């Protein structure tokens, strides 16, 4: 709820901002719905789909996060 309130405040103040979506196994089917929600409620918010950066805990959680494993 704090993130939503933050987007609301930024948009009301005409501040352009960005929502970054990191697709994983747990949320891959939510991309379209997330995009529609952001664009319909926060028109000044840019929606970006990001790739995984393999460092930190992502290295250890690769099998839990990755959509497809490429050898």
PDB file of N, CA and C in Angstrom:
ATOM      1  N   UNK A   1       0.817  -1.198   0.000  1.00  0.00           N
ATOM      2  CA  UNK A   1       0.000   0.000   0.000  1.00  0.00           C
ATOM      3  C   UNK A   1       0.863   1.266   0.000  1.00  0.00           C
ATOM      4  N   UNK A   2       2.049   1.199   0.622  1.00  0.00           N
ATOM      5  CA  UNK A   2       2.931   2.361   0.645  1.00  0.00           C
ATOM      6  C   UNK A   2       3.443   2.696  -0.755  1.00  0.00           C
ATOM      7  N   UNK A   3       3.706   1.663  -1.554  1.00  0.00           N
ATOM      8  CA  UNK A   3       4.172   1.896  -2.930  1.00  0.00           C
ATOM      9  C   UNK A   3       3.071   2.559  -3.747  1.00  0.00           C
ATOM     10  N   UNK A   4       1.855   2.074  -3.616  1.00  0.00           N
ATOM     11  CA  UNK A   4       0.712   2.652  -4.332  1.00  0.00           C
ATOM     12  C   UNK A   4       0.534   4.114  -3.929  1.00  0.00           C
ATOM     13  N   UNK A   5       0.629   4.380  -2.650  1.00  0.00           N
ATOM     14  CA  UNK A   5       0.495   5.762  -2.159  1.00  0.00           C
ATOM     15  C   UNK A   5       1.628   6.640  -2.718  1.00  0.00           C
ATOM     16  N   UNK A   6       2.822   6.085  -2.803  1.00  0.00           N
ATOM     17  CA  UNK A   6       3.942   6.821  -3.377  1.00  0.00           C
ATOM     18  C   UNK A   6       3.714   7.168  -4.837  1.00  0.00           C
ATOM     19  N   UNK A   7       3.251   6.193  -5.637  1.00  0.00           N
ATOM     20  CA  UNK A   7       2.932   6.464  -7.045  1.00  0.00           C
ATOM     21  C   UNK A   7       1.839   7.522  -7.156  1.00  0.00           C
ATOM     22  N   UNK A   8       0.843   7.419  -6.294  1.00  0.00           N
ATOM     23  CA  UNK A   8      -0.250   8.401  -6.299  1.00  0.00           C
ATOM     24  C   UNK A   8       0.289   9.809  -6.034  1.00  0.00           C
ATOM     25  N   UNK A   9       1.132   9.936  -5.029  1.00  0.00           N
ATOM     26  CA  UNK A   9       1.698  11.247  -4.688  1.00  0.00           C
ATOM     27  C   UNK A   9       2.564  11.796  -5.822  1.00  0.00           C
ATOM     28  N   UNK A  10       3.387  10.956  -6.410  1.00  0.00           N
ATOM     29  CA  UNK A  10       4.247  11.399  -7.506  1.00  0.00           C
ATOM     30  C   UNK A  10       3.428  11.862  -8.706  1.00  0.00           C
ATOM     31  N   UNK A  11       2.387  11.109  -9.045  1.00  0.00           N
ATOM     32  CA  UNK A  11       1.556  11.475 -10.187  1.00  0.00           C
ATOM     33  C   UNK A  11       0.770  12.749  -9.922  1.00  0.00           C
ATOM     34  N   UNK A  12       0.278  12.920  -8.707  1.00  0.00           N
ATOM     35  CA  UNK A  12      -0.464  14.130  -8.371  1.00  0.00           C
ATOM     36  C   UNK A  12       0.438  15.370  -8.438  1.00  0.00           C
ATOM     37  N   UNK A  13       1.735  15.193  -8.190  1.00  0.00           N
ATOM     38  CA  UNK A  13       2.692  16.303  -8.244  1.00  0.00           C
ATOM     39  C   UNK A  13       3.338  16.422  -9.621  1.00  0.00           C
ATOM     40  N   UNK A  14       2.819  15.667 -10.602  1.00  0.00           N
ATOM     41  CA  UNK A  14       3.320  15.697 -11.981  1.00  0.00           C
ATOM     42  C   UNK A  14       4.793  15.282 -12.077  1.00  0.00           C
ATOM     43  N   UNK A  15       5.200  14.351 -11.230  1.00  0.00           N
ATOM     44  CA  UNK A  15       6.563  13.827 -11.259  1.00  0.00           C
ATOM     45  C   UNK A  15       6.552  12.512 -12.033  1.00  0.00           C
ATOM     46  N   UNK A  16       7.330  12.459 -13.093  1.00  0.00           N
ATOM     47  CA  UNK A  16       7.441  11.226 -13.857  1.00  0.00           C
ATOM     48  C   UNK A  16       8.326  10.253 -13.084  1.00  0.00           C
ATOM     49  N   UNK A  17       7.950   8.967 -13.077  1.00  0.00           N
ATOM     50  CA  UNK A  17       8.657   7.955 -12.307  1.00  0.00           C
ATOM     51  C   UNK A  17       8.554   6.616 -13.027  1.00  0.00           C
ATOM     52  N   UNK A  18       9.071   5.571 -12.413  1.00  0.00           N
ATOM     53  CA  UNK A  18       9.146   4.284 -13.098  1.00  0.00           C
ATOM     54  C   UNK A  18       8.802   3.130 -12.163  1.00  0.00           C
ATOM     55  N   UNK A  19       8.024   2.182 -12.674  1.00  0.00           N
ATOM     56  CA  UNK A  19       7.756   0.918 -11.989  1.00  0.00           C
ATOM     57  C   UNK A  19       8.490  -0.170 -12.759  1.00  0.00           C
ATOM     58  N   UNK A  20       9.382  -0.885 -12.082  1.00  0.00           N
ATOM     59  CA  UNK A  20      10.152  -1.936 -12.735  1.00  0.00           C
ATOM     60  C   UNK A  20       9.564  -3.294 -12.359  1.00  0.00           C
ATOM     61  N   UNK A  21       9.293  -4.094 -13.383  1.00  0.00           N
ATOM     62  CA  UNK A  21       8.720  -5.426 -13.189  1.00  0.00           C
ATOM     63  C   UNK A  21       9.797  -6.453 -13.515  1.00  0.00           C
ATOM     64  N   UNK A  22      10.107  -7.322 -12.569  1.00  0.00           N
ATOM     65  CA  UNK A  22      11.091  -8.375 -12.768  1.00  0.00           C
ATOM     66  C   UNK A  22      10.346  -9.699 -12.906  1.00  0.00           C
ATOM     67  N   UNK A  23      10.191 -10.220 -14.137  1.00  0.00           N
ATOM     68  CA  UNK A  23       9.446 -11.465 -14.313  1.00  0.00           C
ATOM     69  C   UNK A  23      10.191 -12.667 -13.728  1.00  0.00           C
ATOM     70  N   UNK A  24       9.453 -13.437 -12.932  1.00  0.00           N
ATOM     71  CA  UNK A  24       9.964 -14.664 -12.328  1.00  0.00           C
ATOM     72  C   UNK A  24       8.875 -15.728 -12.455  1.00  0.00           C
ATOM     73  N   UNK A  25       9.190 -16.944 -12.074  1.00  0.00           N
ATOM     74  CA  UNK A  25       8.193 -18.016 -12.110  1.00  0.00           C
ATOM     75  C   UNK A  25       6.938 -17.618 -11.330  1.00  0.00           C
ATOM     76  N   UNK A  26       7.144 -16.947 -10.195  1.00  0.00           N
ATOM     77  CA  UNK A  26       6.036 -16.610  -9.300  1.00  0.00           C
ATOM     78  C   UNK A  26       5.106 -15.531  -9.849  1.00  0.00           C
ATOM     79  N   UNK A  27       5.559 -14.695 -10.798  1.00  0.00           N
ATOM     80  CA  UNK A  27       4.721 -13.574 -11.230  1.00  0.00           C
ATOM     81  C   UNK A  27       4.627 -13.397 -12.747  1.00  0.00           C
ATOM     82  N   UNK A  28       5.188 -14.322 -13.511  1.00  0.00           N
ATOM     83  CA  UNK A  28       5.252 -14.156 -14.975  1.00  0.00           C
ATOM     84  C   UNK A  28       3.886 -13.940 -15.613  1.00  0.00           C
ATOM     85  N   UNK A  29       2.863 -14.533 -15.060  1.00  0.00           N
ATOM     86  CA  UNK A  29       1.518 -14.389 -15.630  1.00  0.00           C
ATOM     87  C   UNK A  29       0.846 -13.069 -15.236  1.00  0.00           C
ATOM     88  N   UNK A  30       1.503 -12.289 -14.402  1.00  0.00           N
ATOM     89  CA  UNK A  30       0.927 -11.028 -13.916  1.00  0.00           C
ATOM     90  C   UNK A  30       1.407  -9.799 -14.680  1.00  0.00           C
ATOM     91  N   UNK A  31       2.232  -9.984 -15.707  1.00  0.00           N
ATOM     92  CA  UNK A  31       2.809  -8.834 -16.409  1.00  0.00           C
ATOM     93  C   UNK A  31       1.725  -7.935 -17.007  1.00  0.00           C
ATOM     94  N   UNK A  32       0.812  -8.505 -17.772  1.00  0.00           N
ATOM     95  CA  UNK A  32      -0.224  -7.704 -18.441  1.00  0.00           C
ATOM     96  C   UNK A  32      -1.106  -6.983 -17.426  1.00  0.00           C
ATOM     97  N   UNK A  33      -1.515  -7.686 -16.392  1.00  0.00           N
ATOM     98  CA  UNK A  33      -2.379  -7.081 -15.376  1.00  0.00           C
ATOM     99  C   UNK A  33      -1.654  -5.950 -14.638  1.00  0.00           C
ATOM    100  N   UNK A  34      -0.382  -6.154 -14.343  1.00  0.00           N
ATOM    101  CA  UNK A  34       0.410  -5.117 -13.666  1.00  0.00           C
ATOM    102  C   UNK A  34       0.552  -3.879 -14.549  1.00  0.00           C
ATOM    103  N   UNK A  35       0.838  -4.105 -15.832  1.00  0.00           N
ATOM    104  CA  UNK A  35       0.966  -2.989 -16.782  1.00  0.00           C
ATOM    105  C   UNK A  35      -0.343  -2.199 -16.855  1.00  0.00           C
ATOM    106  N   UNK A  36      -1.449  -2.897 -17.013  1.00  0.00           N
ATOM    107  CA  UNK A  36      -2.759  -2.226 -17.109  1.00  0.00           C
ATOM    108  C   UNK A  36      -3.066  -1.430 -15.844  1.00  0.00           C
ATOM    109  N   UNK A  37      -2.751  -1.995 -14.681  1.00  0.00           N
ATOM    110  CA  UNK A  37      -3.003  -1.303 -13.419  1.00  0.00           C
ATOM    111  C   UNK A  37      -2.191  -0.013 -13.330  1.00  0.00           C
ATOM    112  N   UNK A  38      -0.895  -0.111 -13.603  1.00  0.00           N
ATOM    113  CA  UNK A  38      -0.030   1.071 -13.531  1.00  0.00           C
ATOM    114  C   UNK A  38      -0.491   2.139 -14.514  1.00  0.00           C
ATOM    115  N   UNK A  39      -0.728   1.753 -15.760  1.00  0.00           N
ATOM    116  CA  UNK A  39      -1.098   2.736 -16.783  1.00  0.00           C
ATOM    117  C   UNK A  39      -2.476   3.354 -16.537  1.00  0.00           C
ATOM    118  N   UNK A  40      -3.404   2.606 -15.990  1.00  0.00           N
ATOM    119  CA  UNK A  40      -4.745   3.161 -15.771  1.00  0.00           C
ATOM    120  C   UNK A  40      -4.811   4.053 -14.529  1.00  0.00           C
ATOM    121  N   UNK A  41      -3.984   3.778 -13.515  1.00  0.00           N
ATOM    122  CA  UNK A  41      -4.031   4.556 -12.284  1.00  0.00           C
ATOM    123  C   UNK A  41      -2.942   5.632 -12.190  1.00  0.00           C
ATOM    124  N   UNK A  42      -1.808   5.398 -12.853  1.00  0.00           N
ATOM    125  CA  UNK A  42      -0.663   6.296 -12.717  1.00  0.00           C
ATOM    126  C   UNK A  42      -0.077   6.588 -14.099  1.00  0.00           C
ATOM    127  N   UNK A  43      -0.702   7.452 -14.869  1.00  0.00           N
ATOM    128  CA  UNK A  43      -0.286   7.676 -16.257  1.00  0.00           C
ATOM    129  C   UNK A  43       1.114   8.273 -16.416  1.00  0.00           C
ATOM    130  N   UNK A  44       1.660   8.883 -15.395  1.00  0.00           N
ATOM    131  CA  UNK A  44       3.010   9.451 -15.495  1.00  0.00           C
ATOM    132  C   UNK A  44       4.098   8.441 -15.113  1.00  0.00           C
ATOM    133  N   UNK A  45       3.681   7.235 -14.764  1.00  0.00           N
ATOM    134  CA  UNK A  45       4.625   6.205 -14.345  1.00  0.00           C
ATOM    135  C   UNK A  45       5.017   5.338 -15.533  1.00  0.00           C
ATOM    136  N   UNK A  46       6.310   5.276 -15.799  1.00  0.00           N
ATOM    137  CA  UNK A  46       6.833   4.421 -16.861  1.00  0.00           C
ATOM    138  C   UNK A  46       6.855   2.981 -16.341  1.00  0.00           C
ATOM    139  N   UNK A  47       6.454   2.026 -17.181  1.00  0.00           N
ATOM    140  CA  UNK A  47       6.448   0.605 -16.804  1.00  0.00           C
ATOM    141  C   UNK A  47       7.557  -0.087 -17.580  1.00  0.00           C
ATOM    142  N   UNK A  48       8.508  -0.674 -16.870  1.00  0.00           N
ATOM    143  CA  UNK A  48       9.654  -1.322 -17.497  1.00  0.00           C
ATOM    144  C   UNK A  48       9.733  -2.778 -17.056  1.00  0.00           C
ATOM    145  N   UNK A  49       9.927  -3.669 -18.015  1.00  0.00           N
ATOM    146  CA  UNK A  49      10.161  -5.077 -17.703  1.00  0.00           C
ATOM    147  C   UNK A  49      11.668  -5.286 -17.687  1.00  0.00           C
ATOM    148  N   UNK A  50      12.188  -5.724 -16.552  1.00  0.00           N
ATOM    149  CA  UNK A  50      13.630  -5.854 -16.351  1.00  0.00           C
ATOM    150  C   UNK A  50      14.073  -7.308 -16.453  1.00  0.00           C
ATOM    151  N   UNK A  51      15.340  -7.488 -16.704  1.00  0.00           N
ATOM    152  CA  UNK A  51      15.938  -8.815 -16.678  1.00  0.00           C
ATOM    153  C   UNK A  51      16.582  -9.075 -15.334  1.00  0.00           C
ATOM    154  N   UNK A  52      16.817 -10.333 -15.035  1.00  0.00           N
ATOM    155  CA  UNK A  52      17.464 -10.713 -13.781  1.00  0.00           C
ATOM    156  C   UNK A  52      18.946 -10.382 -13.866  1.00  0.00           C
ATOM    157  N   UNK A  53      19.463  -9.822 -12.816  1.00  0.00           N
ATOM    158  CA  UNK A  53      20.894  -9.585 -12.708  1.00  0.00           C
ATOM    159  C   UNK A  53      21.422 -10.619 -11.720  1.00  0.00           C
ATOM    160  N   UNK A  54      22.274 -11.492 -12.212  1.00  0.00           N
ATOM    161  CA  UNK A  54      22.713 -12.639 -11.422  1.00  0.00           C
ATOM    162  C   UNK A  54      23.867 -12.292 -10.491  1.00  0.00           C
ATOM    163  N   UNK A  55      23.532 -11.690  -9.367  1.00  0.00           N
ATOM    164  CA  UNK A  55      24.506 -11.449  -8.308  1.00  0.00           C
ATOM    165  C   UNK A  55      23.755 -11.481  -6.994  1.00  0.00           C
ATOM    166  N   UNK A  56      24.461 -11.522  -5.906  1.00  0.00           N
ATOM    167  CA  UNK A  56      23.819 -11.586  -4.595  1.00  0.00           C
ATOM    168  C   UNK A  56      23.010 -12.858  -4.439  1.00  0.00           C
ATOM    169  N   UNK A  57      21.843 -12.755  -3.845  1.00  0.00           N
ATOM    170  CA  UNK A  57      20.993 -13.909  -3.574  1.00  0.00           C
ATOM    171  C   UNK A  57      20.409 -14.541  -4.836  1.00  0.00           C
ATOM    172  N   UNK A  58      20.341 -13.794  -5.930  1.00  0.00           N
ATOM    173  CA  UNK A  58      19.803 -14.352  -7.184  1.00  0.00           C
ATOM    174  C   UNK A  58      20.621 -15.548  -7.643  1.00  0.00           C
ATOM    175  N   UNK A  59      21.916 -15.528  -7.387  1.00  0.00           N
ATOM    176  CA  UNK A  59      22.781 -16.648  -7.773  1.00  0.00           C
ATOM    177  C   UNK A  59      22.348 -17.915  -7.043  1.00  0.00           C
ATOM    178  N   UNK A  60      22.016 -17.795  -5.777  1.00  0.00           N
ATOM    179  CA  UNK A  60      21.624 -18.948  -4.964  1.00  0.00           C
ATOM    180  C   UNK A  60      20.182 -19.380  -5.217  1.00  0.00           C
ATOM    181  N   UNK A  61      19.349 -18.479  -5.671  1.00  0.00           N
ATOM    182  CA  UNK A  61      17.925 -18.755  -5.879  1.00  0.00           C
ATOM    183  C   UNK A  61      17.553 -18.914  -7.344  1.00  0.00           C
ATOM    184  N   UNK A  62      18.517 -19.176  -8.198  1.00  0.00           N
ATOM    185  CA  UNK A  62      18.302 -19.222  -9.639  1.00  0.00           C
ATOM    186  C   UNK A  62      17.156 -20.143 -10.034  1.00  0.00           C
ATOM    187  N   UNK A  63      17.106 -21.341  -9.505  1.00  0.00           N
ATOM    188  CA  UNK A  63      16.064 -22.306  -9.890  1.00  0.00           C
ATOM    189  C   UNK A  63      14.670 -21.855  -9.447  1.00  0.00           C
ATOM    190  N   UNK A  64      14.585 -21.088  -8.375  1.00  0.00           N
ATOM    191  CA  UNK A  64      13.303 -20.580  -7.891  1.00  0.00           C
ATOM    192  C   UNK A  64      12.796 -19.418  -8.736  1.00  0.00           C
ATOM    193  N   UNK A  65      13.713 -18.638  -9.324  1.00  0.00           N
ATOM    194  CA  UNK A  65      13.362 -17.394  -9.990  1.00  0.00           C
ATOM    195  C   UNK A  65      13.263 -17.477 -11.497  1.00  0.00           C
ATOM    196  N   UNK A  66      14.169 -18.220 -12.113  1.00  0.00           N
ATOM    197  CA  UNK A  66      14.314 -18.178 -13.558  1.00  0.00           C
ATOM    198  C   UNK A  66      13.143 -18.822 -14.289  1.00  0.00           C
ATOM    199  N   UNK A  67      12.704 -18.188 -15.362  1.00  0.00           N
ATOM    200  CA  UNK A  67      11.617 -18.734 -16.163  1.00  0.00           C
ATOM    201  C   UNK A  67      12.093 -19.899 -17.016  1.00  0.00           C
ATOM    202  N   UNK A  68      13.259 -19.765 -17.652  1.00  0.00           N
ATOM    203  CA  UNK A  68      13.854 -20.813 -18.490  1.00  0.00           C
ATOM    204  C   UNK A  68      15.342 -20.874 -18.198  1.00  0.00           C
ATOM    205  N   UNK A  69      15.870 -22.066 -18.063  1.00  0.00           N
ATOM    206  CA  UNK A  69      17.296 -22.230 -17.871  1.00  0.00           C
ATOM    207  C   UNK A  69      17.944 -22.467 -19.210  1.00  0.00           C
ATOM    208  N   UNK A  70      18.941 -21.657 -19.532  1.00  0.00           N
ATOM    209  CA  UNK A  70      19.666 -21.778 -20.790  1.00  0.00           C
ATOM    210  C   UNK A  70      21.070 -22.242 -20.480  1.00  0.00           C
ATOM    211  N   UNK A  71      21.509 -23.286 -21.152  1.00  0.00           N
ATOM    212  CA  UNK A  71      22.870 -23.802 -20.936  1.00  0.00           C
ATOM    213  C   UNK A  71      23.824 -23.159 -21.888  1.00  0.00           C
TER     214      UNK A  71
END
